[in-house]
Every structure is written in C-alpha cells, then in structure tokens.
Amino acid sequence: MKVNQVMVTEVASCSPQTSLQDIAMMMWNNDCGAIPLVDDREHPVGIITDRDIAMGAALQSKPLREIRAEDISSGRELYCCAAEEDIGEALQIMEAHKVRRLPVVNEDKQLCGMVSLGDIVSFTGAKNTAKTGKKQISPKEAIEFLKHVSGHHLSRKTAAAV
C-alpha cells in the first residue's frame, strides 16, 4: 500500500513567520493537530503541532500572537515521506523518530499531503479495503507501531543523564 492511498490531500499550511495564534486558529478551522510550515515554493521546512503551541506559550511566557512558528520549529529536524512511498517505509520513519504525523511530498519535494497515526490506524483490520482493494495493515502491526510511537519518551533531563 502506498502513502498516497491513506494520506490527507487537503492540508492547511503556513509560512515560518506565521504567529502561533494564527496557527492555532488554522488548526481549529481545519480540525487538525499539526500545520506544516512551507517556504515560498511550497517545500516543507517545519511543522507545528498543538503541543508545540502549548509548550511555546508556557516556555516563552508571551501571548501566542507574539510567537512565530520559526521561534518554535527552528533547529528541529523535519521528517517527511514521499507520496509514492510504501506505507511501511512511512511507518518506519514515524517509529524511528517517534512522530505521529508526516508531511508528504511529491516528486518536486512540494507539500502534497499529510499522513498521520490516525490515517494509518484507519487501514487496520479487515482483509481488504473497498477503496483500494489492497490488504490493510494487520492489527498486530498497528499495535506494535502504536506502542513504539506513542510510548513515553525520555524527558530531556533523563536523556541528558543517560
């Protein structure tokens, strides 16, 4: 199964200069928990999650309208996958980097979708999907994936001590 068979194609995005307040409203209006940051050529350069907004506000002690996406996302590596990539490869990226969402890029490295933990789990269960006729992800594979991606992460203090 390919990423383009499970990804969401209507994705709200913004520039790195967008305020966290505007991004929070984009999340509310688009019923999503992450907004990719793109450059002027629509190449993903970062991502802001709902958790990033909460932590950014708490750590910077500023109103959301005064904090830019780049203030939160700069210095963090961005993980993406290709639309034509096998879903198993996307799962490996998510698991290796403990992320729940991946921006999806086309052959020109432009944002063309998002694939999330929920998108992948929705293809768990029955033997075939009516949409694609392809075998879905087995429940065992889904549970293993969820265990690795959703498990508790080491805190920064704990990681530094290790």
C-alpha atoms as a PDB file:
ATOM      1  CA  MET A   1       0.000   0.000   0.000  1.00  0.00           C
ATOM      2  CA  LYS A   2       1.304   3.472  -0.895  1.00  0.00           C
ATOM      3  CA  VAL A   3       1.238   6.595   1.262  1.00  0.00           C
ATOM      4  CA  ASN A   4      -0.940   8.374  -1.321  1.00  0.00           C
ATOM      5  CA  GLN A   5      -3.680   5.798  -0.647  1.00  0.00           C
ATOM      6  CA  VAL A   6      -4.074   6.812   3.006  1.00  0.00           C
ATOM      7  CA  MET A   7      -2.848  10.424   3.208  1.00  0.00           C
ATOM      8  CA  VAL A   8      -4.970  13.534   3.554  1.00  0.00           C
ATOM      9  CA  THR A   9      -4.574  15.744   0.486  1.00  0.00           C
ATOM     10  CA  GLU A  10      -6.278  18.937   1.652  1.00  0.00           C
ATOM     11  CA  VAL A  11      -3.655  20.293   4.036  1.00  0.00           C
ATOM     12  CA  ALA A  12      -3.544  23.743   5.601  1.00  0.00           C
ATOM     13  CA  SER A  13      -0.016  25.155   5.675  1.00  0.00           C
ATOM     14  CA  CYS A  14       1.658  28.442   6.527  1.00  0.00           C
ATOM     15  CA  SER A  15       4.987  30.267   6.473  1.00  0.00           C
ATOM     16  CA  PRO A  16       7.515  30.101   9.307  1.00  0.00           C
ATOM     17  CA  GLN A  17       6.681  33.753  10.113  1.00  0.00           C
ATOM     18  CA  THR A  18       3.036  32.940  10.975  1.00  0.00           C
ATOM     19  CA  SER A  19       2.066  33.582  14.620  1.00  0.00           C
ATOM     20  CA  LEU A  20       1.135  30.685  16.864  1.00  0.00           C
ATOM     21  CA  GLN A  21      -2.235  32.377  17.394  1.00  0.00           C
ATOM     22  CA  ASP A  22      -2.958  32.224  13.655  1.00  0.00           C
ATOM     23  CA  ILE A  23      -1.750  28.624  13.509  1.00  0.00           C
ATOM     24  CA  ALA A  24      -3.994  27.659  16.435  1.00  0.00           C
ATOM     25  CA  MET A  25      -6.953  29.138  14.561  1.00  0.00           C
ATOM     26  CA  MET A  26      -5.939  27.236  11.412  1.00  0.00           C
ATOM     27  CA  MET A  27      -5.933  24.021  13.459  1.00  0.00           C
ATOM     28  CA  TRP A  28      -9.375  24.838  14.868  1.00  0.00           C
ATOM     29  CA  ASN A  29     -10.845  25.736  11.465  1.00  0.00           C
ATOM     30  CA  ASN A  30      -9.335  22.694   9.732  1.00  0.00           C
ATOM     31  CA  ASP A  31      -9.890  20.188  12.571  1.00  0.00           C
ATOM     32  CA  CYS A  32      -6.254  19.134  12.694  1.00  0.00           C
ATOM     33  CA  GLY A  33      -3.424  18.967  15.221  1.00  0.00           C
ATOM     34  CA  ALA A  34      -0.466  19.917  13.048  1.00  0.00           C
ATOM     35  CA  ILE A  35       0.295  22.544  10.436  1.00  0.00           C
ATOM     36  CA  PRO A  36       3.282  22.174   8.111  1.00  0.00           C
ATOM     37  CA  LEU A  37       5.455  25.225   7.524  1.00  0.00           C
ATOM     38  CA  VAL A  38       6.365  25.780   3.877  1.00  0.00           C
ATOM     39  CA  ASP A  39       8.705  28.089   2.003  1.00  0.00           C
ATOM     40  CA  ASP A  40       7.671  30.215  -0.973  1.00  0.00           C
ATOM     41  CA  ARG A  41       7.998  27.173  -3.284  1.00  0.00           C
ATOM     42  CA  GLU A  42       5.715  25.013  -1.090  1.00  0.00           C
ATOM     43  CA  HIS A  43       8.612  22.900   0.228  1.00  0.00           C
ATOM     44  CA  PRO A  44       8.042  21.803   3.841  1.00  0.00           C
ATOM     45  CA  VAL A  45      10.553  23.433   6.200  1.00  0.00           C
ATOM     46  CA  GLY A  46       8.973  22.634   9.570  1.00  0.00           C
ATOM     47  CA  ILE A  47       5.841  21.596  11.396  1.00  0.00           C
ATOM     48  CA  ILE A  48       3.921  22.983  14.360  1.00  0.00           C
ATOM     49  CA  THR A  49       1.723  20.723  16.479  1.00  0.00           C
ATOM     50  CA  ASP A  50      -0.906  21.619  19.039  1.00  0.00           C
ATOM     51  CA  ARG A  51       1.559  20.535  21.717  1.00  0.00           C
ATOM     52  CA  ASP A  52       4.196  22.892  20.290  1.00  0.00           C
ATOM     53  CA  ILE A  53       1.751  25.767  20.695  1.00  0.00           C
ATOM     54  CA  ALA A  54       1.038  24.896  24.329  1.00  0.00           C
ATOM     55  CA  MET A  55       4.712  24.422  25.197  1.00  0.00           C
ATOM     56  CA  GLY A  56       5.792  27.508  23.245  1.00  0.00           C
ATOM     57  CA  ALA A  57       3.359  29.679  25.168  1.00  0.00           C
ATOM     58  CA  ALA A  58       4.394  28.193  28.511  1.00  0.00           C
ATOM     59  CA  LEU A  59       8.133  28.374  27.914  1.00  0.00           C
ATOM     60  CA  GLN A  60       8.236  31.823  26.300  1.00  0.00           C
ATOM     61  CA  SER A  61       5.700  33.480  28.625  1.00  0.00           C
ATOM     62  CA  LYS A  62       4.337  35.543  25.750  1.00  0.00           C
ATOM     63  CA  PRO A  63       0.957  35.785  24.079  1.00  0.00           C
ATOM     64  CA  LEU A  64       0.584  33.444  21.097  1.00  0.00           C
ATOM     65  CA  ARG A  65       0.274  36.414  18.707  1.00  0.00           C
ATOM     66  CA  GLU A  66       3.860  37.407  19.622  1.00  0.00           C
ATOM     67  CA  ILE A  67       5.425  33.997  18.969  1.00  0.00           C
ATOM     68  CA  ARG A  68       6.265  32.984  15.399  1.00  0.00           C
ATOM     69  CA  ALA A  69       6.291  29.394  14.163  1.00  0.00           C
ATOM     70  CA  GLU A  70      10.006  29.702  13.400  1.00  0.00           C
ATOM     71  CA  ASP A  71      10.641  30.571  17.069  1.00  0.00           C
ATOM     72  CA  ILE A  72       9.397  27.098  17.976  1.00  0.00           C
ATOM     73  CA  SER A  73      10.432  24.990  14.992  1.00  0.00           C
ATOM     74  CA  SER A  74      13.907  26.256  14.134  1.00  0.00           C
ATOM     75  CA  GLY A  75      16.636  23.795  14.955  1.00  0.00           C
ATOM     76  CA  ARG A  76      14.309  20.788  14.869  1.00  0.00           C
ATOM     77  CA  GLU A  77      14.678  18.221  12.134  1.00  0.00           C
ATOM     78  CA  LEU A  78      11.682  17.715   9.865  1.00  0.00           C
ATOM     79  CA  TYR A  79      10.765  14.222   8.710  1.00  0.00           C
ATOM     80  CA  CYS A  80       8.770  13.757   5.504  1.00  0.00           C
ATOM     81  CA  CYS A  81       7.832  10.898   3.231  1.00  0.00           C
ATOM     82  CA  ALA A  82       7.054  10.639  -0.457  1.00  0.00           C
ATOM     83  CA  ALA A  83       3.533  10.147  -1.799  1.00  0.00           C
ATOM     84  CA  GLU A  84       4.638   7.098  -3.808  1.00  0.00           C
ATOM     85  CA  GLU A  85       6.497   5.549  -0.866  1.00  0.00           C
ATOM     86  CA  ASP A  86       5.281   2.293   0.624  1.00  0.00           C
ATOM     87  CA  ILE A  87       3.289   2.834   3.813  1.00  0.00           C
ATOM     88  CA  GLY A  88       5.727   0.531   5.609  1.00  0.00           C
ATOM     89  CA  GLU A  89       8.550   2.997   4.937  1.00  0.00           C
ATOM     90  CA  ALA A  90       6.462   5.857   6.353  1.00  0.00           C
ATOM     91  CA  LEU A  91       5.749   3.733   9.435  1.00  0.00           C
ATOM     92  CA  GLN A  92       9.484   3.140   9.878  1.00  0.00           C
ATOM     93  CA  ILE A  93      10.179   6.894   9.756  1.00  0.00           C
ATOM     94  CA  MET A  94       7.427   7.584  12.299  1.00  0.00           C
ATOM     95  CA  GLU A  95       8.627   4.836  14.594  1.00  0.00           C
ATOM     96  CA  ALA A  96      12.327   5.729  14.353  1.00  0.00           C
ATOM     97  CA  HIS A  97      11.710   9.400  15.129  1.00  0.00           C
ATOM     98  CA  LYS A  98       8.667   8.972  17.409  1.00  0.00           C
ATOM     99  CA  VAL A  99       6.464  11.296  15.380  1.00  0.00           C
ATOM    100  CA  ARG A 100       2.750  10.869  14.773  1.00  0.00           C
ATOM    101  CA  ARG A 101       2.424  12.896  11.575  1.00  0.00           C
ATOM    102  CA  LEU A 102       4.487  13.230   8.413  1.00  0.00           C
ATOM    103  CA  PRO A 103       4.214  15.836   5.701  1.00  0.00           C
ATOM    104  CA  VAL A 104       4.020  14.080   2.336  1.00  0.00           C
ATOM    105  CA  VAL A 105       5.934  15.474  -0.639  1.00  0.00           C
ATOM    106  CA  ASN A 106       5.623  14.969  -4.381  1.00  0.00           C
ATOM    107  CA  GLU A 107       8.456  14.360  -6.843  1.00  0.00           C
ATOM    108  CA  ASP A 108       9.327  18.100  -6.711  1.00  0.00           C
ATOM    109  CA  LYS A 109       9.600  17.922  -2.893  1.00  0.00           C
ATOM    110  CA  GLN A 110       6.483  20.109  -2.557  1.00  0.00           C
ATOM    111  CA  LEU A 111       3.870  19.502   0.113  1.00  0.00           C
ATOM    112  CA  CYS A 112       1.055  17.376  -1.313  1.00  0.00           C
ATOM    113  CA  GLY A 113      -0.450  15.808   1.803  1.00  0.00           C
ATOM    114  CA  MET A 114      -0.118  14.632   5.389  1.00  0.00           C
ATOM    115  CA  VAL A 115      -0.198  11.140   6.794  1.00  0.00           C
ATOM    116  CA  SER A 116      -0.942  10.616  10.469  1.00  0.00           C
ATOM    117  CA  LEU A 117      -1.175   7.888  13.029  1.00  0.00           C
ATOM    118  CA  GLY A 118      -4.961   8.050  12.656  1.00  0.00           C
ATOM    119  CA  ASP A 119      -4.784   7.670   8.878  1.00  0.00           C
ATOM    120  CA  ILE A 120      -2.689   4.546   9.253  1.00  0.00           C
ATOM    121  CA  VAL A 121      -4.817   3.038  12.027  1.00  0.00           C
ATOM    122  CA  SER A 122      -7.915   3.548   9.874  1.00  0.00           C
ATOM    123  CA  PHE A 123      -6.455   0.953   7.480  1.00  0.00           C
ATOM    124  CA  THR A 124      -6.146  -1.643  10.240  1.00  0.00           C
ATOM    125  CA  GLY A 125      -8.465  -4.589  10.413  1.00  0.00           C
ATOM    126  CA  ALA A 126     -10.413  -6.086   7.534  1.00  0.00           C
ATOM    127  CA  LYS A 127      -8.584  -8.035   4.888  1.00  0.00           C
ATOM    128  CA  ASN A 128      -9.275  -5.620   2.020  1.00  0.00           C
ATOM    129  CA  THR A 129     -10.360  -2.018   1.675  1.00  0.00           C
ATOM    130  CA  ALA A 130     -13.189  -1.141  -0.663  1.00  0.00           C
ATOM    131  CA  LYS A 131     -11.254   1.978  -1.675  1.00  0.00           C
ATOM    132  CA  THR A 132      -8.125   0.253  -2.945  1.00  0.00           C
ATOM    133  CA  GLY A 133      -8.758  -3.486  -2.916  1.00  0.00           C
ATOM    134  CA  LYS A 134      -5.412  -3.750  -1.063  1.00  0.00           C
ATOM    135  CA  LYS A 135      -4.711  -5.665   2.113  1.00  0.00           C
ATOM    136  CA  GLN A 136      -4.928  -3.473   5.184  1.00  0.00           C
ATOM    137  CA  ILE A 137      -2.355  -3.242   7.940  1.00  0.00           C
ATOM    138  CA  SER A 138      -2.735  -6.128  10.374  1.00  0.00           C
ATOM    139  CA  PRO A 139      -3.936  -5.353  13.891  1.00  0.00           C
ATOM    140  CA  LYS A 140      -0.669  -6.795  15.252  1.00  0.00           C
ATOM    141  CA  GLU A 141       1.385  -4.423  13.045  1.00  0.00           C
ATOM    142  CA  ALA A 142      -0.767  -1.500  14.151  1.00  0.00           C
ATOM    143  CA  ILE A 143      -0.364  -2.306  17.848  1.00  0.00           C
ATOM    144  CA  GLU A 144       3.422  -2.638  17.507  1.00  0.00           C
ATOM    145  CA  PHE A 145       3.565   0.648  15.665  1.00  0.00           C
ATOM    146  CA  LEU A 146       1.370   2.403  18.252  1.00  0.00           C
ATOM    147  CA  LYS A 147       3.484   1.004  21.074  1.00  0.00           C
ATOM    148  CA  HIS A 148       6.696   2.414  19.616  1.00  0.00           C
ATOM    149  CA  VAL A 149       5.371   5.791  18.501  1.00  0.00           C
ATOM    150  CA  SER A 150       3.038   6.519  21.407  1.00  0.00           C
ATOM    151  CA  GLY A 151       5.141   5.222  24.273  1.00  0.00           C
ATOM    152  CA  HIS A 152       6.557   7.604  26.844  1.00  0.00           C
ATOM    153  CA  HIS A 153       9.642   9.412  25.651  1.00  0.00           C
ATOM    154  CA  LEU A 154      12.621  10.128  27.833  1.00  0.00           C
ATOM    155  CA  SER A 155      12.410  13.567  29.379  1.00  0.00           C
ATOM    156  CA  ARG A 156      15.157  15.998  28.443  1.00  0.00           C
ATOM    157  CA  LYS A 157      16.582  15.654  31.958  1.00  0.00           C
ATOM    158  CA  THR A 158      16.553  11.853  31.776  1.00  0.00           C
ATOM    159  CA  ALA A 159      18.010  11.822  28.260  1.00  0.00           C
ATOM    160  CA  ALA A 160      20.841  14.127  29.326  1.00  0.00           C
ATOM    161  CA  ALA A 161      21.652  11.889  32.291  1.00  0.00           C
ATOM    162  CA  VAL A 162      21.758   8.719  30.146  1.00  0.00           C
END
